[in-house]
Protein backbone atom coordinates (compact mmCIF):
# COMPACT_ATOMS: atom_id res chain seq x y z
CA MET A 1 0.00 0.00 0.00
CA GLU A 2 1.20 3.46 -0.90
CA LEU A 3 0.03 5.91 1.76
CA ASN A 4 -0.45 8.91 -0.51
CA ASN A 5 -4.07 10.12 -0.34
CA LYS A 6 -5.08 7.30 2.04
CA VAL A 7 -7.23 7.53 5.18
CA ALA A 8 -5.80 5.82 8.25
CA ILE A 9 -7.00 5.15 11.78
CA ILE A 10 -4.41 4.56 14.51
CA THR A 11 -5.35 3.44 17.99
CA GLY A 12 -2.92 3.95 20.84
CA GLY A 13 -2.06 7.10 18.95
CA SER A 14 -1.27 9.75 21.53
CA GLY A 15 2.40 8.82 21.89
CA GLY A 16 5.12 6.32 21.15
CA ILE A 17 4.60 4.00 18.22
CA GLY A 18 1.15 5.27 17.30
CA ARG A 19 2.14 8.91 17.17
CA ALA A 20 5.30 8.12 15.21
CA MET A 21 3.32 6.17 12.63
CA ALA A 22 0.88 9.06 12.30
CA GLY A 23 3.70 11.48 11.58
CA ALA A 24 5.25 9.11 9.04
CA PHE A 25 1.93 8.52 7.27
CA LEU A 26 1.25 12.24 6.99
CA SER A 27 4.76 12.78 5.64
CA GLU A 28 3.99 10.16 3.00
CA GLY A 29 0.98 12.19 1.86
CA ALA A 30 -1.86 10.51 3.70
CA LYS A 31 -5.15 12.27 3.11
CA ALA A 32 -6.14 11.96 6.76
CA VAL A 33 -5.05 10.27 9.97
CA VAL A 34 -7.51 9.70 12.81
CA LEU A 35 -5.75 9.13 16.11
CA ALA A 36 -7.50 7.37 18.97
CA ASP A 37 -6.46 6.78 22.56
CA LEU A 38 -7.92 6.23 25.99
CA SER A 39 -7.02 9.70 27.24
CA GLU A 40 -9.00 12.41 25.45
CA ASP A 41 -6.61 15.13 26.58
CA ALA A 42 -3.52 13.26 25.40
CA VAL A 43 -4.89 12.28 22.01
CA THR A 44 -6.35 15.73 21.37
CA ALA A 45 -2.99 17.32 22.13
CA ALA A 46 -1.12 14.88 19.90
CA ALA A 47 -3.57 15.40 17.06
CA ALA A 48 -3.31 19.17 17.33
CA GLU A 49 0.49 19.02 17.07
CA LEU A 50 0.38 16.69 14.07
CA GLY A 51 -2.51 18.41 12.31
CA CYS A 52 -4.91 15.46 12.26
CA ASP A 53 -8.01 14.19 14.06
CA GLY A 54 -7.98 12.87 17.62
CA LEU A 55 -10.71 10.96 19.43
CA ALA A 56 -11.02 9.28 22.81
CA CYS A 57 -11.53 5.55 22.45
CA ASP A 58 -11.41 2.51 24.72
CA VAL A 59 -10.35 -0.25 22.34
CA THR A 60 -11.65 -2.94 24.69
CA ARG A 61 -15.17 -1.65 24.02
CA GLU A 62 -16.51 -2.72 20.64
CA THR A 63 -18.97 0.17 20.54
CA ASP A 64 -16.07 2.64 20.83
CA ILE A 65 -14.28 1.02 17.88
CA GLN A 66 -17.48 1.14 15.84
CA ALA A 67 -17.96 4.82 16.65
CA LEU A 68 -14.35 5.55 15.71
CA THR A 69 -14.80 3.87 12.34
CA ARG A 70 -18.08 5.71 11.69
CA TYR A 71 -16.37 9.01 12.43
CA ALA A 72 -13.69 8.38 9.82
CA VAL A 73 -16.14 7.13 7.21
CA ASP A 74 -18.58 9.98 7.79
CA LYS A 75 -15.85 12.63 7.58
CA TYR A 76 -13.57 11.17 4.91
CA GLY A 77 -15.74 8.69 3.05
CA THR A 78 -13.68 5.58 3.78
CA VAL A 79 -10.95 3.91 5.82
CA ASP A 80 -8.03 2.55 3.81
CA LEU A 81 -5.80 1.50 6.71
CA PHE A 82 -6.67 0.56 10.29
CA CYS A 83 -3.68 0.34 12.64
CA SER A 84 -4.85 -1.48 15.75
CA ASN A 85 -1.95 -0.44 17.92
CA ALA A 86 -3.06 0.03 21.53
CA GLY A 87 -1.34 -2.14 24.09
CA ALA A 88 0.17 -2.38 27.57
CA GLY A 89 2.60 -4.58 29.46
CA GLY A 90 1.43 -7.49 31.57
CA GLU A 91 3.90 -9.12 33.93
CA GLY A 92 3.48 -12.37 35.81
CA LEU A 93 3.34 -16.14 35.60
CA LEU A 94 0.54 -18.67 35.89
CA THR A 95 0.28 -18.59 39.66
CA ASP A 96 1.09 -14.98 40.52
CA SER A 97 -1.16 -13.24 37.99
CA GLY A 98 -4.85 -13.15 38.75
CA ASN A 99 -7.51 -13.89 36.18
CA GLU A 100 -8.22 -10.18 35.86
CA VAL A 101 -4.70 -9.54 34.50
CA TRP A 102 -4.98 -12.31 31.94
CA GLN A 103 -8.45 -11.09 30.91
CA GLN A 104 -7.31 -7.47 30.61
CA GLN A 105 -4.41 -8.49 28.38
CA TRP A 106 -6.72 -10.64 26.25
CA GLU A 107 -9.22 -7.83 25.80
CA LEU A 108 -6.50 -5.30 24.96
CA HIS A 109 -4.27 -7.41 22.71
CA VAL A 110 -6.73 -9.75 21.00
CA MET A 111 -10.33 -8.61 21.20
CA SER A 112 -9.41 -5.04 20.23
CA HIS A 113 -8.01 -6.36 16.93
CA LEU A 114 -11.13 -8.42 16.39
CA TYR A 115 -13.36 -5.42 17.08
CA ALA A 116 -11.35 -3.32 14.62
CA ALA A 117 -11.65 -5.94 11.89
CA ARG A 118 -15.38 -6.33 12.43
CA ALA A 119 -15.90 -2.58 12.29
CA VAL A 120 -13.82 -1.76 9.23
CA LEU A 121 -13.98 -4.84 7.01
CA PRO A 122 -17.47 -4.12 5.62
CA VAL A 123 -16.26 -0.73 4.36
CA MET A 124 -13.06 -2.17 2.93
CA ILE A 125 -14.75 -5.15 1.30
CA GLU A 126 -17.32 -2.87 -0.33
CA GLN A 127 -14.57 -0.76 -1.88
CA GLY A 128 -12.62 -3.88 -2.88
CA GLU A 129 -9.48 -3.17 -0.89
CA GLY A 130 -8.14 -2.23 2.51
CA TYR A 131 -5.32 -2.83 4.95
CA LEU A 132 -5.14 -3.92 8.58
CA LEU A 133 -1.94 -3.38 10.57
CA ASN A 134 -2.10 -5.04 13.99
CA THR A 135 0.57 -4.32 16.56
CA ALA A 136 1.74 -7.44 18.37
CA SER A 137 5.30 -8.04 19.59
CA ALA A 138 8.39 -10.13 19.02
CA ALA A 139 7.35 -11.68 22.32
CA GLY A 140 4.36 -13.16 20.51
CA LEU A 141 6.59 -14.77 17.90
CA LEU A 142 9.14 -15.92 20.48
CA ALA A 143 8.60 -15.54 24.24
CA ALA A 144 8.92 -13.04 27.06
CA ILE A 145 10.08 -14.85 30.19
CA GLY A 146 8.21 -13.58 33.22
CA SER A 147 5.42 -11.94 31.19
CA GLY A 148 2.91 -14.72 30.68
CA PRO A 149 -0.26 -12.69 30.04
CA TYR A 150 1.61 -10.41 27.64
CA THR A 151 3.40 -13.04 25.56
CA VAL A 152 0.37 -15.34 25.31
CA SER A 153 -2.01 -12.56 24.27
CA LYS A 154 0.49 -11.20 21.74
CA ALA A 155 0.88 -14.69 20.25
CA ALA A 156 -2.89 -14.87 19.90
CA ALA A 157 -2.88 -11.47 18.19
CA ILE A 158 -0.49 -12.83 15.56
CA LYS A 159 -2.66 -15.89 14.98
CA LEU A 160 -5.74 -13.68 14.59
CA ALA A 161 -3.89 -11.58 11.98
CA GLU A 162 -2.95 -14.77 10.10
CA PHE A 163 -6.57 -15.90 10.15
CA ILE A 164 -7.84 -12.58 8.77
CA ALA A 165 -5.15 -12.59 6.08
CA ILE A 166 -6.18 -16.06 4.94
CA THR A 167 -9.92 -15.51 5.19
CA HIS A 168 -10.17 -12.12 3.47
CA ALA A 169 -7.39 -12.14 0.87
CA ASP A 170 -9.93 -12.72 -1.90
CA ASP A 171 -11.82 -9.64 -0.69
CA GLY A 172 -8.80 -7.46 -1.43
CA ILE A 173 -7.78 -7.18 2.22
CA LYS A 174 -4.10 -7.00 3.14
CA VAL A 175 -2.85 -7.69 6.66
CA SER A 176 0.43 -7.01 8.43
CA VAL A 177 1.44 -7.66 12.03
CA LEU A 178 3.98 -5.40 13.72
CA CYS A 179 6.36 -7.36 15.98
CA PRO A 180 9.04 -5.14 17.52
CA GLN A 181 11.40 -5.84 20.38
CA GLY A 182 12.38 -2.84 22.49
CA VAL A 183 11.15 0.59 21.41
CA ASN A 184 11.87 3.81 23.29
CA THR A 185 8.35 4.43 24.54
CA ALA A 186 6.68 4.71 27.92
CA MET A 187 6.38 0.91 28.09
CA ALA A 188 9.78 0.11 26.58
CA PRO A 189 11.20 -3.23 27.68
CA ARG A 190 14.92 -3.18 28.33
CA SER A 191 15.10 -6.84 27.46
CA LEU A 192 13.04 -9.34 25.50
CA GLY A 193 12.18 -11.50 28.44
CA ASP A 194 15.64 -12.31 29.74
CA GLY A 195 17.09 -12.99 26.32
CA GLN A 196 18.05 -9.36 25.80
CA THR A 197 16.59 -7.25 23.07
CA ASP A 198 18.63 -6.39 19.98
CA GLY A 199 18.74 -2.73 20.90
CA ILE A 200 16.15 -0.15 21.87
CA ILE A 201 15.08 1.73 18.74
CA GLU A 202 13.30 5.05 18.44
CA PRO A 203 9.60 5.10 17.43
CA GLU A 204 10.46 7.12 14.33
CA GLN A 205 12.79 4.36 13.12
CA LEU A 206 10.05 1.82 13.67
CA ALA A 207 7.60 4.01 11.73
CA ARG A 208 9.93 4.06 8.73
CA THR A 209 10.03 0.26 8.79
CA VAL A 210 6.23 0.22 8.88
CA VAL A 211 5.99 2.46 5.82
CA GLU A 212 8.41 0.20 3.93
CA ALA A 213 6.56 -2.95 4.97
CA LEU A 214 3.20 -1.53 3.92
CA ALA A 215 4.62 -0.61 0.52
CA GLU A 216 5.91 -4.17 0.10
CA GLU A 217 2.82 -5.69 1.76
CA ARG A 218 4.91 -7.85 4.09
CA PHE A 219 2.97 -9.79 6.72
CA HIS A 220 5.66 -9.67 9.41
CA VAL A 221 6.82 -6.14 10.15
CA LEU A 222 10.12 -6.59 12.01
CA PRO A 223 11.84 -3.36 13.08
CA HIS A 224 14.48 -5.61 14.66
CA PRO A 225 15.44 -7.76 11.64
CA GLU A 226 17.25 -10.29 13.83
CA VAL A 227 13.84 -11.59 14.92
CA GLU A 228 13.33 -13.23 11.52
CA GLU A 229 16.31 -15.51 12.12
CA TYR A 230 15.17 -16.34 15.66
CA VAL A 231 11.76 -17.36 14.35
CA ARG A 232 13.38 -19.50 11.68
CA ARG A 233 15.52 -21.29 14.27
CA LYS A 234 12.48 -21.86 16.44
CA GLY A 235 10.61 -23.38 13.50
CA ASP A 236 13.55 -25.56 12.51
CA ASN A 237 13.76 -27.27 15.90
CA ILE A 238 11.15 -26.36 18.49
CA ASP A 239 12.55 -28.73 21.11
CA ARG A 240 16.01 -27.19 20.88
CA TRP A 241 14.48 -23.74 21.12
CA LEU A 242 12.45 -24.68 24.19
CA HIS A 243 15.49 -26.19 25.88
CA GLY A 244 17.40 -23.00 25.16
CA MET A 245 14.65 -20.86 26.67
CA GLN A 246 14.52 -23.13 29.72
CA ARG A 247 18.26 -22.68 30.22
CA LEU A 248 17.85 -18.95 29.81
CA ARG A 249 15.13 -18.88 32.47
CA ARG A 250 17.28 -20.87 34.91
CA LYS A 251 20.16 -18.47 34.34
CA SER A 252 17.92 -15.47 34.97
CA GLN A 253 16.64 -17.03 38.18
CA GLU A 254 20.22 -17.52 39.35
CA ILE A 255 21.01 -13.87 38.67
CA ILE A 256 17.93 -12.76 40.61
CA ALA A 257 18.93 -14.98 43.54
CA GLU A 258 22.43 -13.48 43.80
């Protein structure tokens, strides 16, 4: 997808990755960008600085996503690209994270993408084309030790994106899934689990990778290109990969105990 003259919605748009993507899209000649975020004050301020629209939206509420989509369609006639980007960290294991944490992560990282697809696909299918960009994480492709709710929900987000890509390809729908490691945002991890991230990148660098990936219509958007090789190794020998991650966890536990 070339972004010139396109209409895009970006959730989680008041800062970090979402705001950087908005700036990049506008620089590429996007007709309009509609930012959405939980905080009305934050998203309104970001939109004013960028020169685009900003709306309050709770992405875990399907009615909010529907209203956001209607706003864009009513004002600009269509939605060409929906970037379902909102997210938050979720630490913990099976026994020390309550059900509410797991449910919150599921609603935020999986159901929000489903709500976005449900809201925007009818418009895109009617016009014969459209693009969904769902933000997941390298943790969903690999693992984040110590962050069970996060890594499991991000893995589910990737599977949902695969399902949509398969199901709606013949409707002219393109899908990409954004899977970064560390990004210099408010929720930046300093390591990918305990395996260490391949560097903390700036949101603007990530946004440039997104623009390139959209132009090439790549499914995996990997701002840290090393992740592609890690995924390949995991696929080549899952048992070896699991044993390696188990060793890594034991090592991290030893460091914590010192």
